[in-house]
Amino acid sequence: MAEHHDQPERPRLEPEIIPPARSRGDNEWPPHAWPPYASAHTRQRIYVARLGPFGFALLMAIIGIVVALILLAVVGAILVWIPILALLLAAGVVYRLLRRERPLGR
């Protein structure tokens, strides 16, 4: 047992020392390879413009068309299943009518 209960326990492992990153002159990608992202030396600008009334109307029209297509696909899937369910129901009714209890004597 530890002699001093009031003192916190020291860590059992030493912390790992991570070396600093390489300088910018070092390039980890070979010159013939295409890097997955732009290098740190290039800058790109992204321009974001305010939406005017025409742009807003166009955006709403595109969203409406996408929603209408999704709704059409869902309704089409439901309409395909209606005849299938009707056939299953009709088959169940016919099976029930044909399967009558027979007397034990026969």
N, C-alpha and C. Protein backbone atom coordinates (compact mmCIF):
# COMPACT_ATOMS: atom_id res chain seq x y z
N MET A 1 0.82 -1.18 0.00
CA MET A 1 0.00 0.00 0.00
C MET A 1 0.87 1.25 0.00
N ALA A 2 0.33 2.32 -0.53
CA ALA A 2 1.06 3.58 -0.55
C ALA A 2 1.10 4.17 0.85
N GLU A 3 2.20 4.82 1.13
CA GLU A 3 2.35 5.40 2.47
C GLU A 3 1.56 6.68 2.62
N HIS A 4 1.45 7.48 1.55
CA HIS A 4 0.78 8.77 1.63
C HIS A 4 -0.54 8.68 0.87
N HIS A 5 -1.64 8.70 1.59
CA HIS A 5 -2.95 8.62 0.96
C HIS A 5 -3.44 9.97 0.48
N ASP A 6 -2.84 11.05 0.94
CA ASP A 6 -3.30 12.38 0.58
C ASP A 6 -2.77 12.85 -0.77
N GLN A 7 -1.69 12.28 -1.24
CA GLN A 7 -1.08 12.73 -2.49
C GLN A 7 -1.69 11.97 -3.67
N PRO A 8 -1.89 12.65 -4.83
CA PRO A 8 -2.45 11.96 -5.99
C PRO A 8 -1.45 10.95 -6.55
N GLU A 9 -1.99 9.96 -7.23
CA GLU A 9 -1.16 8.92 -7.81
C GLU A 9 -0.47 9.45 -9.05
N ARG A 10 0.80 9.14 -9.20
CA ARG A 10 1.56 9.58 -10.36
C ARG A 10 1.21 8.72 -11.56
N PRO A 11 1.25 9.27 -12.75
CA PRO A 11 0.93 8.46 -13.93
C PRO A 11 1.93 7.32 -14.10
N ARG A 12 1.43 6.20 -14.59
CA ARG A 12 2.27 5.01 -14.75
C ARG A 12 3.09 5.08 -16.04
N LEU A 13 2.60 5.82 -17.03
CA LEU A 13 3.31 5.95 -18.31
C LEU A 13 3.75 7.39 -18.51
N GLU A 14 4.82 7.53 -19.23
CA GLU A 14 5.30 8.86 -19.58
C GLU A 14 4.48 9.38 -20.75
N PRO A 15 4.20 10.67 -20.84
CA PRO A 15 3.46 11.20 -21.99
C PRO A 15 4.29 11.09 -23.25
N GLU A 16 3.62 10.89 -24.38
CA GLU A 16 4.30 10.78 -25.66
C GLU A 16 4.62 12.17 -26.18
N ILE A 17 5.82 12.37 -26.62
CA ILE A 17 6.23 13.66 -27.16
C ILE A 17 6.12 13.57 -28.68
N ILE A 18 5.25 14.40 -29.25
CA ILE A 18 5.02 14.39 -30.68
C ILE A 18 5.89 15.49 -31.29
N PRO A 19 6.75 15.15 -32.26
CA PRO A 19 7.62 16.18 -32.85
C PRO A 19 6.81 17.17 -33.66
N PRO A 20 7.32 18.40 -33.83
CA PRO A 20 6.59 19.39 -34.62
C PRO A 20 6.51 18.97 -36.08
N ALA A 21 5.55 19.58 -36.79
CA ALA A 21 5.35 19.25 -38.20
C ALA A 21 6.56 19.67 -39.01
N ARG A 22 6.70 19.05 -40.16
CA ARG A 22 7.80 19.39 -41.04
C ARG A 22 7.63 20.81 -41.57
N SER A 23 8.72 21.38 -42.05
CA SER A 23 8.66 22.74 -42.57
C SER A 23 7.88 22.73 -43.88
N ARG A 24 7.48 23.89 -44.33
CA ARG A 24 6.68 23.97 -45.55
C ARG A 24 7.47 23.58 -46.79
N GLY A 25 8.77 23.60 -46.70
CA GLY A 25 9.59 23.22 -47.85
C GLY A 25 9.51 21.74 -48.15
N ASP A 26 9.25 20.93 -47.14
CA ASP A 26 9.14 19.48 -47.35
C ASP A 26 7.80 19.18 -47.99
N ASN A 27 7.82 18.42 -49.03
CA ASN A 27 6.59 18.04 -49.71
C ASN A 27 6.45 16.53 -49.58
N GLU A 28 5.37 16.09 -48.96
CA GLU A 28 5.20 14.65 -48.76
C GLU A 28 4.64 13.95 -49.99
N TRP A 29 4.18 14.70 -50.99
CA TRP A 29 3.66 14.09 -52.21
C TRP A 29 4.75 14.10 -53.27
N PRO A 30 4.93 12.97 -53.93
CA PRO A 30 5.92 12.96 -55.02
C PRO A 30 5.45 13.88 -56.16
N PRO A 31 6.37 14.39 -56.95
CA PRO A 31 5.97 15.36 -57.98
C PRO A 31 5.04 14.78 -59.04
N HIS A 32 5.08 13.48 -59.28
CA HIS A 32 4.22 12.91 -60.31
C HIS A 32 2.82 12.55 -59.77
N ALA A 33 2.61 12.62 -58.46
CA ALA A 33 1.32 12.27 -57.87
C ALA A 33 0.43 13.50 -57.76
N TRP A 34 -0.87 13.28 -57.86
CA TRP A 34 -1.84 14.36 -57.73
C TRP A 34 -2.28 14.42 -56.28
N PRO A 35 -2.02 15.52 -55.56
CA PRO A 35 -2.43 15.59 -54.15
C PRO A 35 -3.95 15.65 -54.02
N PRO A 36 -4.52 15.13 -52.95
CA PRO A 36 -5.97 15.11 -52.82
C PRO A 36 -6.56 16.48 -52.51
N TYR A 37 -5.75 17.43 -52.18
CA TYR A 37 -6.22 18.78 -51.90
C TYR A 37 -5.15 19.76 -52.35
N ALA A 38 -5.53 21.01 -52.44
CA ALA A 38 -4.58 22.02 -52.90
C ALA A 38 -3.48 22.19 -51.87
N SER A 39 -2.31 22.55 -52.33
CA SER A 39 -1.20 22.72 -51.39
C SER A 39 -1.45 23.93 -50.50
N ALA A 40 -0.67 24.07 -49.47
CA ALA A 40 -0.86 25.14 -48.50
C ALA A 40 -0.54 26.50 -49.09
N HIS A 41 0.17 26.54 -50.23
CA HIS A 41 0.59 27.81 -50.80
C HIS A 41 -0.45 28.42 -51.73
N THR A 42 -1.43 27.66 -52.14
CA THR A 42 -2.44 28.20 -53.05
C THR A 42 -3.61 28.74 -52.24
N ARG A 43 -4.22 29.75 -52.78
CA ARG A 43 -5.41 30.34 -52.14
C ARG A 43 -6.55 30.31 -53.14
N GLN A 44 -7.71 30.00 -52.63
CA GLN A 44 -8.89 30.00 -53.47
C GLN A 44 -9.94 30.87 -52.82
N ARG A 45 -10.66 31.59 -53.64
CA ARG A 45 -11.73 32.43 -53.12
C ARG A 45 -13.07 31.83 -53.49
N ILE A 46 -13.99 31.94 -52.57
CA ILE A 46 -15.35 31.49 -52.81
C ILE A 46 -16.24 32.71 -52.71
N TYR A 47 -16.95 33.00 -53.78
CA TYR A 47 -17.84 34.14 -53.80
C TYR A 47 -19.26 33.67 -53.54
N VAL A 48 -19.91 34.29 -52.59
CA VAL A 48 -21.30 33.97 -52.27
C VAL A 48 -22.12 35.22 -52.52
N ALA A 49 -23.05 35.14 -53.44
CA ALA A 49 -23.86 36.29 -53.79
C ALA A 49 -25.22 36.18 -53.10
N ARG A 50 -25.82 37.32 -52.86
CA ARG A 50 -27.17 37.33 -52.29
C ARG A 50 -28.15 36.85 -53.35
N LEU A 51 -29.18 36.20 -52.90
CA LEU A 51 -30.20 35.70 -53.81
C LEU A 51 -31.21 36.80 -54.10
N GLY A 52 -31.42 37.07 -55.35
CA GLY A 52 -32.43 38.05 -55.74
C GLY A 52 -33.78 37.38 -55.87
N PRO A 53 -34.79 38.11 -56.26
CA PRO A 53 -36.13 37.52 -56.39
C PRO A 53 -36.20 36.43 -57.47
N PHE A 54 -35.50 36.63 -58.59
CA PHE A 54 -35.51 35.62 -59.64
C PHE A 54 -34.77 34.36 -59.18
N GLY A 55 -33.64 34.52 -58.53
CA GLY A 55 -32.89 33.37 -58.02
C GLY A 55 -33.66 32.61 -56.96
N PHE A 56 -34.36 33.34 -56.09
CA PHE A 56 -35.18 32.69 -55.06
C PHE A 56 -36.32 31.91 -55.70
N ALA A 57 -36.97 32.50 -56.71
CA ALA A 57 -38.06 31.81 -57.40
C ALA A 57 -37.54 30.56 -58.11
N LEU A 58 -36.37 30.67 -58.71
CA LEU A 58 -35.78 29.52 -59.39
C LEU A 58 -35.43 28.42 -58.40
N LEU A 59 -34.88 28.79 -57.25
CA LEU A 59 -34.56 27.81 -56.21
C LEU A 59 -35.81 27.12 -55.70
N MET A 60 -36.87 27.88 -55.47
CA MET A 60 -38.13 27.29 -55.00
C MET A 60 -38.74 26.37 -56.07
N ALA A 61 -38.60 26.74 -57.34
CA ALA A 61 -39.12 25.89 -58.42
C ALA A 61 -38.36 24.57 -58.47
N ILE A 62 -37.05 24.61 -58.29
CA ILE A 62 -36.25 23.38 -58.29
C ILE A 62 -36.63 22.50 -57.10
N ILE A 63 -36.77 23.11 -55.93
CA ILE A 63 -37.17 22.34 -54.74
C ILE A 63 -38.56 21.75 -54.94
N GLY A 64 -39.47 22.52 -55.53
CA GLY A 64 -40.83 22.01 -55.80
C GLY A 64 -40.82 20.84 -56.77
N ILE A 65 -39.99 20.92 -57.79
CA ILE A 65 -39.91 19.82 -58.77
C ILE A 65 -39.37 18.56 -58.10
N VAL A 66 -38.34 18.70 -57.26
CA VAL A 66 -37.77 17.54 -56.57
C VAL A 66 -38.81 16.92 -55.63
N VAL A 67 -39.53 17.75 -54.87
CA VAL A 67 -40.56 17.24 -53.96
C VAL A 67 -41.68 16.55 -54.76
N ALA A 68 -42.08 17.13 -55.88
CA ALA A 68 -43.13 16.53 -56.70
C ALA A 68 -42.68 15.18 -57.26
N LEU A 69 -41.44 15.07 -57.66
CA LEU A 69 -40.94 13.78 -58.17
C LEU A 69 -40.92 12.71 -57.08
N ILE A 70 -40.50 13.10 -55.87
CA ILE A 70 -40.50 12.15 -54.77
C ILE A 70 -41.92 11.73 -54.43
N LEU A 71 -42.84 12.69 -54.39
CA LEU A 71 -44.24 12.37 -54.10
C LEU A 71 -44.84 11.47 -55.18
N LEU A 72 -44.49 11.74 -56.42
CA LEU A 72 -44.97 10.91 -57.53
C LEU A 72 -44.45 9.48 -57.41
N ALA A 73 -43.20 9.31 -57.00
CA ALA A 73 -42.64 7.97 -56.83
C ALA A 73 -43.35 7.24 -55.69
N VAL A 74 -43.62 7.93 -54.59
CA VAL A 74 -44.30 7.28 -53.46
C VAL A 74 -45.72 6.90 -53.83
N VAL A 75 -46.45 7.81 -54.48
CA VAL A 75 -47.82 7.51 -54.89
C VAL A 75 -47.82 6.38 -55.92
N GLY A 76 -46.86 6.37 -56.82
CA GLY A 76 -46.78 5.28 -57.80
C GLY A 76 -46.54 3.94 -57.14
N ALA A 77 -45.70 3.92 -56.12
CA ALA A 77 -45.45 2.67 -55.40
C ALA A 77 -46.72 2.19 -54.69
N ILE A 78 -47.47 3.14 -54.13
CA ILE A 78 -48.73 2.76 -53.46
C ILE A 78 -49.73 2.25 -54.48
N LEU A 79 -49.83 2.91 -55.63
CA LEU A 79 -50.78 2.49 -56.66
C LEU A 79 -50.43 1.13 -57.24
N VAL A 80 -49.18 0.76 -57.25
CA VAL A 80 -48.79 -0.57 -57.73
C VAL A 80 -49.26 -1.63 -56.74
N TRP A 81 -49.21 -1.33 -55.44
CA TRP A 81 -49.56 -2.33 -54.43
C TRP A 81 -51.07 -2.51 -54.27
N ILE A 82 -51.90 -1.56 -54.71
CA ILE A 82 -53.36 -1.70 -54.54
C ILE A 82 -53.89 -2.92 -55.29
N PRO A 83 -53.59 -3.15 -56.57
CA PRO A 83 -54.10 -4.36 -57.23
C PRO A 83 -53.53 -5.65 -56.63
N ILE A 84 -52.29 -5.61 -56.19
CA ILE A 84 -51.70 -6.80 -55.58
C ILE A 84 -52.43 -7.17 -54.30
N LEU A 85 -52.70 -6.17 -53.46
CA LEU A 85 -53.45 -6.43 -52.22
C LEU A 85 -54.87 -6.87 -52.52
N ALA A 86 -55.49 -6.31 -53.56
CA ALA A 86 -56.85 -6.72 -53.94
C ALA A 86 -56.85 -8.18 -54.39
N LEU A 87 -55.85 -8.59 -55.15
CA LEU A 87 -55.77 -10.00 -55.58
C LEU A 87 -55.56 -10.93 -54.38
N LEU A 88 -54.73 -10.53 -53.44
CA LEU A 88 -54.53 -11.35 -52.25
C LEU A 88 -55.81 -11.46 -51.43
N LEU A 89 -56.55 -10.37 -51.32
CA LEU A 89 -57.82 -10.39 -50.59
C LEU A 89 -58.83 -11.29 -51.30
N ALA A 90 -58.91 -11.18 -52.61
CA ALA A 90 -59.84 -12.03 -53.37
C ALA A 90 -59.45 -13.50 -53.25
N ALA A 91 -58.17 -13.80 -53.28
CA ALA A 91 -57.72 -15.19 -53.13
C ALA A 91 -58.07 -15.70 -51.74
N GLY A 92 -57.96 -14.85 -50.72
CA GLY A 92 -58.33 -15.26 -49.36
C GLY A 92 -59.81 -15.54 -49.24
N VAL A 93 -60.63 -14.72 -49.88
CA VAL A 93 -62.09 -14.93 -49.83
C VAL A 93 -62.46 -16.22 -50.56
N VAL A 94 -61.89 -16.46 -51.72
CA VAL A 94 -62.18 -17.69 -52.48
C VAL A 94 -61.72 -18.91 -51.68
N TYR A 95 -60.55 -18.84 -51.08
CA TYR A 95 -60.05 -19.96 -50.28
C TYR A 95 -60.98 -20.23 -49.09
N ARG A 96 -61.47 -19.18 -48.47
CA ARG A 96 -62.37 -19.34 -47.32
C ARG A 96 -63.70 -19.96 -47.75
N LEU A 97 -64.22 -19.58 -48.92
CA LEU A 97 -65.48 -20.13 -49.40
C LEU A 97 -65.33 -21.60 -49.81
N LEU A 98 -64.19 -21.95 -50.39
CA LEU A 98 -63.99 -23.33 -50.83
C LEU A 98 -63.66 -24.25 -49.66
N ARG A 99 -63.13 -23.73 -48.61
CA ARG A 99 -62.75 -24.55 -47.47
C ARG A 99 -63.87 -24.52 -46.43
N ARG A 100 -64.86 -25.32 -46.65
CA ARG A 100 -65.95 -25.43 -45.68
C ARG A 100 -65.71 -26.69 -44.86
N GLU A 101 -66.19 -26.66 -43.67
CA GLU A 101 -66.04 -27.85 -42.83
C GLU A 101 -66.92 -28.97 -43.36
N ARG A 102 -66.33 -30.11 -43.50
CA ARG A 102 -67.07 -31.28 -43.99
C ARG A 102 -67.56 -32.09 -42.80
N PRO A 103 -68.67 -32.74 -42.95
CA PRO A 103 -69.12 -33.59 -41.84
C PRO A 103 -68.14 -34.75 -41.60
N LEU A 104 -68.12 -35.28 -40.38
CA LEU A 104 -67.19 -36.32 -40.01
C LEU A 104 -67.50 -37.64 -40.73
N GLY A 105 -68.73 -37.88 -41.09
CA GLY A 105 -69.13 -39.14 -41.71
C GLY A 105 -68.58 -39.29 -43.11
N ARG A 106 -68.19 -38.33 -43.81
CA ARG A 106 -67.76 -38.44 -45.21
C ARG A 106 -66.31 -38.63 -45.36
